[in-house]
Structure formats: C-alpha cells, structure tokens
Amino acid sequence: MKGIKESHLCVLAYLGFFVTGFILLIVEKGSLRVRFHAMQSFIYFLGLFLISALFGLVPFFGGIIQFLIGILTMVSYLYLIYITYKDVDFRIPYIGDAINDYINK
C-alpha cells in the first residue's frame, strides 16, 4: 500500500484482531513482512476466537476457560502490537515458524 509505512501496516495487522489480518492478506501483495504479520494475526486470533466459542458451549467450566482465553487474548494482543511497533518481527511459536516456511517457499 502506497503512502503507509511498512511498520505501520504490520501494526495494523494486529489492531483489528483477525479481521484486519484477513483484509491485509487480501490487499497487500508487495511486502512479505506485512503479509507475515497479517497471516500470523489472522491464524492466531481466529484460532483463539474459535477455541473460546467452543468452550462457550460447555457449562460452567467453559465460562472459566473462556475468561482465561480472553485474558490471554488481550495480553498477547497488546504485546504483539507493542513489539511490532518497535520493529521486532516476533514469531508466535509454531504458528510463526509455519508461516515463515510457507512464505519463503
């Protein structure tokens, strides 16, 4: 995307959880770094959302686990935005490595 710094696009990938990650995957074609962060955001936050939704179907203990997933989501959300703003390409274990292998094929 012209006119927007690459580092800002990487942060933008995380700002809207999996939604902005998906949008940037569709729109951004030039920067592998932006595509990496967009794909990582999409897979990670969509995965947390789906796991939380599934636990929502379980009475009582599901609510407790949903609460814990919510805390994990917010902490990782803030951390990923902060670390990406500092221009550090943080890879979420397993997810980031798999995405890096996929992009570099």
N, C-alpha and C. Protein backbone atom coordinates (compact mmCIF):
# COMPACT_ATOMS: atom_id res chain seq x y z
N MET A 1 0.84 -1.17 0.00
CA MET A 1 0.00 0.00 0.00
C MET A 1 0.89 1.23 0.00
N LYS A 2 0.63 2.12 -0.90
CA LYS A 2 1.46 3.31 -1.03
C LYS A 2 1.04 4.36 -0.02
N GLY A 3 2.04 5.06 0.52
CA GLY A 3 1.78 6.15 1.44
C GLY A 3 1.76 5.74 2.90
N ILE A 4 1.76 4.46 3.19
CA ILE A 4 1.76 4.00 4.57
C ILE A 4 3.05 3.22 4.81
N LYS A 5 3.73 3.55 5.91
CA LYS A 5 4.98 2.86 6.22
C LYS A 5 4.71 1.38 6.49
N GLU A 6 5.68 0.57 6.11
CA GLU A 6 5.57 -0.88 6.29
C GLU A 6 5.36 -1.25 7.75
N SER A 7 6.07 -0.58 8.65
CA SER A 7 5.94 -0.90 10.07
C SER A 7 4.54 -0.59 10.59
N HIS A 8 3.92 0.45 10.07
CA HIS A 8 2.56 0.79 10.47
C HIS A 8 1.56 -0.24 9.95
N LEU A 9 1.80 -0.75 8.78
CA LEU A 9 0.91 -1.80 8.25
C LEU A 9 1.03 -3.08 9.07
N CYS A 10 2.25 -3.37 9.54
CA CYS A 10 2.44 -4.56 10.38
C CYS A 10 1.65 -4.42 11.68
N VAL A 11 1.68 -3.23 12.28
CA VAL A 11 0.91 -3.00 13.50
C VAL A 11 -0.58 -3.08 13.19
N LEU A 12 -0.98 -2.52 12.06
CA LEU A 12 -2.39 -2.54 11.67
C LEU A 12 -2.93 -3.97 11.53
N ALA A 13 -2.07 -4.89 11.17
CA ALA A 13 -2.49 -6.30 11.05
C ALA A 13 -3.02 -6.84 12.36
N TYR A 14 -2.52 -6.33 13.48
CA TYR A 14 -2.95 -6.82 14.79
C TYR A 14 -4.08 -5.99 15.40
N LEU A 15 -4.25 -4.76 14.98
CA LEU A 15 -5.20 -3.85 15.63
C LEU A 15 -6.64 -4.35 15.59
N GLY A 16 -7.04 -4.98 14.53
CA GLY A 16 -8.42 -5.45 14.41
C GLY A 16 -8.52 -6.96 14.57
N PHE A 17 -7.61 -7.52 15.35
CA PHE A 17 -7.57 -8.96 15.57
C PHE A 17 -7.50 -9.69 14.23
N PHE A 18 -8.30 -10.72 13.99
CA PHE A 18 -8.16 -11.48 12.75
C PHE A 18 -8.79 -10.78 11.55
N VAL A 19 -9.63 -9.78 11.78
CA VAL A 19 -10.30 -9.08 10.68
C VAL A 19 -9.31 -8.28 9.85
N THR A 20 -8.49 -7.44 10.50
CA THR A 20 -7.52 -6.65 9.74
C THR A 20 -6.42 -7.54 9.16
N GLY A 21 -6.11 -8.63 9.85
CA GLY A 21 -5.15 -9.57 9.29
C GLY A 21 -5.65 -10.14 7.98
N PHE A 22 -6.92 -10.50 7.94
CA PHE A 22 -7.52 -11.04 6.71
C PHE A 22 -7.55 -9.99 5.60
N ILE A 23 -7.95 -8.77 5.96
CA ILE A 23 -8.02 -7.70 4.95
C ILE A 23 -6.64 -7.42 4.36
N LEU A 24 -5.63 -7.34 5.22
CA LEU A 24 -4.28 -7.09 4.70
C LEU A 24 -3.75 -8.25 3.88
N LEU A 25 -4.15 -9.46 4.19
CA LEU A 25 -3.75 -10.61 3.36
C LEU A 25 -4.29 -10.46 1.94
N ILE A 26 -5.48 -9.94 1.82
CA ILE A 26 -6.10 -9.76 0.51
C ILE A 26 -5.50 -8.57 -0.23
N VAL A 27 -5.30 -7.46 0.50
CA VAL A 27 -4.91 -6.21 -0.14
C VAL A 27 -3.41 -6.11 -0.39
N GLU A 28 -2.60 -6.49 0.56
CA GLU A 28 -1.15 -6.31 0.46
C GLU A 28 -0.51 -7.44 -0.34
N LYS A 29 0.16 -7.06 -1.42
CA LYS A 29 0.83 -8.05 -2.25
C LYS A 29 2.34 -7.85 -2.30
N GLY A 30 2.81 -6.64 -1.95
CA GLY A 30 4.22 -6.32 -2.15
C GLY A 30 5.16 -6.71 -1.04
N SER A 31 4.75 -6.57 0.20
CA SER A 31 5.66 -6.75 1.32
C SER A 31 5.46 -8.11 1.99
N LEU A 32 6.51 -8.91 2.00
CA LEU A 32 6.44 -10.21 2.67
C LEU A 32 6.33 -10.03 4.18
N ARG A 33 6.94 -8.98 4.71
CA ARG A 33 6.87 -8.73 6.16
C ARG A 33 5.44 -8.42 6.59
N VAL A 34 4.75 -7.57 5.83
CA VAL A 34 3.36 -7.24 6.16
C VAL A 34 2.49 -8.48 6.01
N ARG A 35 2.72 -9.25 4.97
CA ARG A 35 1.93 -10.46 4.76
C ARG A 35 2.16 -11.47 5.90
N PHE A 36 3.41 -11.55 6.39
CA PHE A 36 3.71 -12.44 7.51
C PHE A 36 2.89 -12.04 8.74
N HIS A 37 2.93 -10.76 9.10
CA HIS A 37 2.20 -10.31 10.28
C HIS A 37 0.69 -10.43 10.10
N ALA A 38 0.22 -10.18 8.88
CA ALA A 38 -1.22 -10.32 8.61
C ALA A 38 -1.66 -11.78 8.76
N MET A 39 -0.87 -12.69 8.23
CA MET A 39 -1.21 -14.11 8.32
C MET A 39 -1.11 -14.61 9.76
N GLN A 40 -0.09 -14.16 10.47
CA GLN A 40 0.07 -14.56 11.86
C GLN A 40 -1.09 -14.04 12.71
N SER A 41 -1.49 -12.81 12.49
CA SER A 41 -2.63 -12.24 13.22
C SER A 41 -3.91 -13.00 12.91
N PHE A 42 -4.13 -13.28 11.64
CA PHE A 42 -5.35 -13.97 11.22
C PHE A 42 -5.44 -15.37 11.85
N ILE A 43 -4.39 -16.14 11.73
CA ILE A 43 -4.42 -17.52 12.24
C ILE A 43 -4.50 -17.55 13.76
N TYR A 44 -3.69 -16.73 14.44
CA TYR A 44 -3.65 -16.76 15.89
C TYR A 44 -4.95 -16.29 16.52
N PHE A 45 -5.44 -15.13 16.11
CA PHE A 45 -6.64 -14.59 16.75
C PHE A 45 -7.92 -15.32 16.32
N LEU A 46 -7.96 -15.81 15.10
CA LEU A 46 -9.11 -16.61 14.69
C LEU A 46 -9.13 -17.93 15.47
N GLY A 47 -7.96 -18.51 15.66
CA GLY A 47 -7.86 -19.74 16.45
C GLY A 47 -8.33 -19.53 17.89
N LEU A 48 -7.88 -18.45 18.51
CA LEU A 48 -8.32 -18.16 19.88
C LEU A 48 -9.83 -17.91 19.93
N PHE A 49 -10.35 -17.22 18.93
CA PHE A 49 -11.79 -16.95 18.87
C PHE A 49 -12.59 -18.25 18.76
N LEU A 50 -12.16 -19.14 17.88
CA LEU A 50 -12.88 -20.40 17.68
C LEU A 50 -12.79 -21.30 18.91
N ILE A 51 -11.63 -21.36 19.53
CA ILE A 51 -11.48 -22.17 20.75
C ILE A 51 -12.36 -21.62 21.86
N SER A 52 -12.38 -20.30 22.01
CA SER A 52 -13.22 -19.67 23.03
C SER A 52 -14.70 -19.93 22.76
N ALA A 53 -15.11 -19.87 21.50
CA ALA A 53 -16.50 -20.13 21.15
C ALA A 53 -16.89 -21.58 21.46
N LEU A 54 -15.99 -22.51 21.20
CA LEU A 54 -16.27 -23.91 21.50
C LEU A 54 -16.41 -24.15 23.00
N PHE A 55 -15.54 -23.52 23.79
CA PHE A 55 -15.64 -23.67 25.24
C PHE A 55 -16.88 -22.97 25.79
N GLY A 56 -17.42 -22.03 25.05
CA GLY A 56 -18.65 -21.37 25.46
C GLY A 56 -19.84 -22.32 25.48
N LEU A 57 -19.73 -23.43 24.79
CA LEU A 57 -20.80 -24.43 24.74
C LEU A 57 -20.78 -25.34 25.96
N VAL A 58 -19.69 -25.33 26.71
CA VAL A 58 -19.54 -26.20 27.88
C VAL A 58 -20.04 -25.44 29.12
N PRO A 59 -20.97 -26.02 29.85
CA PRO A 59 -21.49 -25.33 31.04
C PRO A 59 -20.41 -25.14 32.11
N PHE A 60 -20.49 -24.06 32.84
CA PHE A 60 -19.65 -23.64 33.95
C PHE A 60 -18.15 -23.59 33.62
N PHE A 61 -17.49 -24.73 33.50
CA PHE A 61 -16.05 -24.72 33.26
C PHE A 61 -15.70 -24.06 31.94
N GLY A 62 -16.61 -24.13 30.99
CA GLY A 62 -16.40 -23.46 29.71
C GLY A 62 -16.28 -21.96 29.89
N GLY A 63 -17.09 -21.40 30.78
CA GLY A 63 -17.03 -19.97 31.05
C GLY A 63 -15.73 -19.55 31.69
N ILE A 64 -15.22 -20.40 32.58
CA ILE A 64 -13.93 -20.11 33.22
C ILE A 64 -12.81 -20.14 32.19
N ILE A 65 -12.84 -21.15 31.33
CA ILE A 65 -11.81 -21.26 30.30
C ILE A 65 -11.94 -20.11 29.30
N GLN A 66 -13.17 -19.71 28.97
CA GLN A 66 -13.37 -18.56 28.09
C GLN A 66 -12.75 -17.30 28.70
N PHE A 67 -12.94 -17.12 30.00
CA PHE A 67 -12.37 -15.98 30.69
C PHE A 67 -10.84 -15.99 30.59
N LEU A 68 -10.23 -17.15 30.81
CA LEU A 68 -8.78 -17.27 30.73
C LEU A 68 -8.27 -17.03 29.31
N ILE A 69 -9.00 -17.52 28.33
CA ILE A 69 -8.63 -17.27 26.93
C ILE A 69 -8.75 -15.79 26.61
N GLY A 70 -9.76 -15.14 27.17
CA GLY A 70 -9.92 -13.69 26.98
C GLY A 70 -8.74 -12.91 27.53
N ILE A 71 -8.26 -13.31 28.70
CA ILE A 71 -7.08 -12.66 29.28
C ILE A 71 -5.85 -12.90 28.41
N LEU A 72 -5.65 -14.13 27.97
CA LEU A 72 -4.55 -14.46 27.07
C LEU A 72 -4.63 -13.63 25.79
N THR A 73 -5.82 -13.50 25.25
CA THR A 73 -6.01 -12.75 24.02
C THR A 73 -5.61 -11.28 24.20
N MET A 74 -6.07 -10.66 25.29
CA MET A 74 -5.77 -9.24 25.49
C MET A 74 -4.29 -9.00 25.77
N VAL A 75 -3.67 -9.86 26.56
CA VAL A 75 -2.25 -9.70 26.85
C VAL A 75 -1.42 -9.89 25.58
N SER A 76 -1.71 -10.94 24.82
CA SER A 76 -0.95 -11.18 23.60
C SER A 76 -1.24 -10.11 22.55
N TYR A 77 -2.47 -9.59 22.51
CA TYR A 77 -2.84 -8.51 21.60
C TYR A 77 -1.98 -7.28 21.87
N LEU A 78 -1.92 -6.85 23.12
CA LEU A 78 -1.13 -5.67 23.48
C LEU A 78 0.36 -5.91 23.25
N TYR A 79 0.84 -7.10 23.58
CA TYR A 79 2.26 -7.41 23.39
C TYR A 79 2.63 -7.42 21.90
N LEU A 80 1.80 -8.04 21.07
CA LEU A 80 2.11 -8.11 19.65
C LEU A 80 2.10 -6.73 19.01
N ILE A 81 1.18 -5.88 19.41
CA ILE A 81 1.15 -4.51 18.88
C ILE A 81 2.42 -3.76 19.31
N TYR A 82 2.76 -3.85 20.59
CA TYR A 82 3.93 -3.14 21.11
C TYR A 82 5.22 -3.61 20.44
N ILE A 83 5.41 -4.91 20.39
CA ILE A 83 6.67 -5.45 19.86
C ILE A 83 6.79 -5.21 18.35
N THR A 84 5.67 -5.24 17.65
CA THR A 84 5.69 -4.97 16.22
C THR A 84 5.94 -3.49 15.96
N TYR A 85 5.40 -2.62 16.79
CA TYR A 85 5.65 -1.18 16.66
C TYR A 85 7.14 -0.87 16.86
N LYS A 86 7.81 -1.66 17.68
CA LYS A 86 9.25 -1.48 17.90
C LYS A 86 10.09 -2.12 16.80
N ASP A 87 9.45 -2.55 15.72
CA ASP A 87 10.11 -3.17 14.55
C ASP A 87 10.82 -4.47 14.85
N VAL A 88 10.26 -5.25 15.77
CA VAL A 88 10.78 -6.59 16.06
C VAL A 88 9.81 -7.58 15.43
N ASP A 89 10.32 -8.46 14.61
CA ASP A 89 9.47 -9.46 13.96
C ASP A 89 9.34 -10.67 14.87
N PHE A 90 8.42 -10.57 15.81
CA PHE A 90 8.18 -11.65 16.76
C PHE A 90 7.38 -12.76 16.10
N ARG A 91 7.83 -13.98 16.29
CA ARG A 91 7.11 -15.14 15.76
C ARG A 91 6.44 -15.87 16.91
N ILE A 92 5.14 -16.03 16.79
CA ILE A 92 4.42 -16.83 17.77
C ILE A 92 4.89 -18.27 17.58
N PRO A 93 5.26 -18.97 18.65
CA PRO A 93 5.76 -20.34 18.50
C PRO A 93 4.82 -21.21 17.67
N TYR A 94 5.37 -22.02 16.82
CA TYR A 94 4.70 -22.94 15.91
C TYR A 94 3.99 -22.20 14.78
N ILE A 95 3.15 -21.24 15.09
CA ILE A 95 2.40 -20.51 14.06
C ILE A 95 3.35 -19.68 13.21
N GLY A 96 4.19 -18.87 13.86
CA GLY A 96 5.11 -18.00 13.14
C GLY A 96 6.11 -18.78 12.31
N ASP A 97 6.61 -19.88 12.85
CA ASP A 97 7.57 -20.71 12.11
C ASP A 97 6.91 -21.35 10.88
N ALA A 98 5.70 -21.83 11.04
CA ALA A 98 4.98 -22.45 9.92
C ALA A 98 4.69 -21.41 8.84
N ILE A 99 4.30 -20.21 9.24
CA ILE A 99 4.02 -19.15 8.28
C ILE A 99 5.31 -18.74 7.56
N ASN A 100 6.40 -18.62 8.28
CA ASN A 100 7.67 -18.25 7.67
C ASN A 100 8.09 -19.30 6.64
N ASP A 101 7.94 -20.56 6.96
CA ASP A 101 8.25 -21.62 6.00
C ASP A 101 7.35 -21.53 4.77
N TYR A 102 6.07 -21.24 4.98
CA TYR A 102 5.11 -21.14 3.88
C TYR A 102 5.43 -19.95 2.97
N ILE A 103 5.74 -18.81 3.57
CA ILE A 103 6.01 -17.61 2.77
C ILE A 103 7.31 -17.74 1.99
N ASN A 104 8.30 -18.39 2.57
CA ASN A 104 9.62 -18.49 1.91
C ASN A 104 9.73 -19.66 0.96
N LYS A 105 8.65 -20.32 0.63
CA LYS A 105 8.71 -21.43 -0.35
C LYS A 105 9.03 -20.92 -1.72
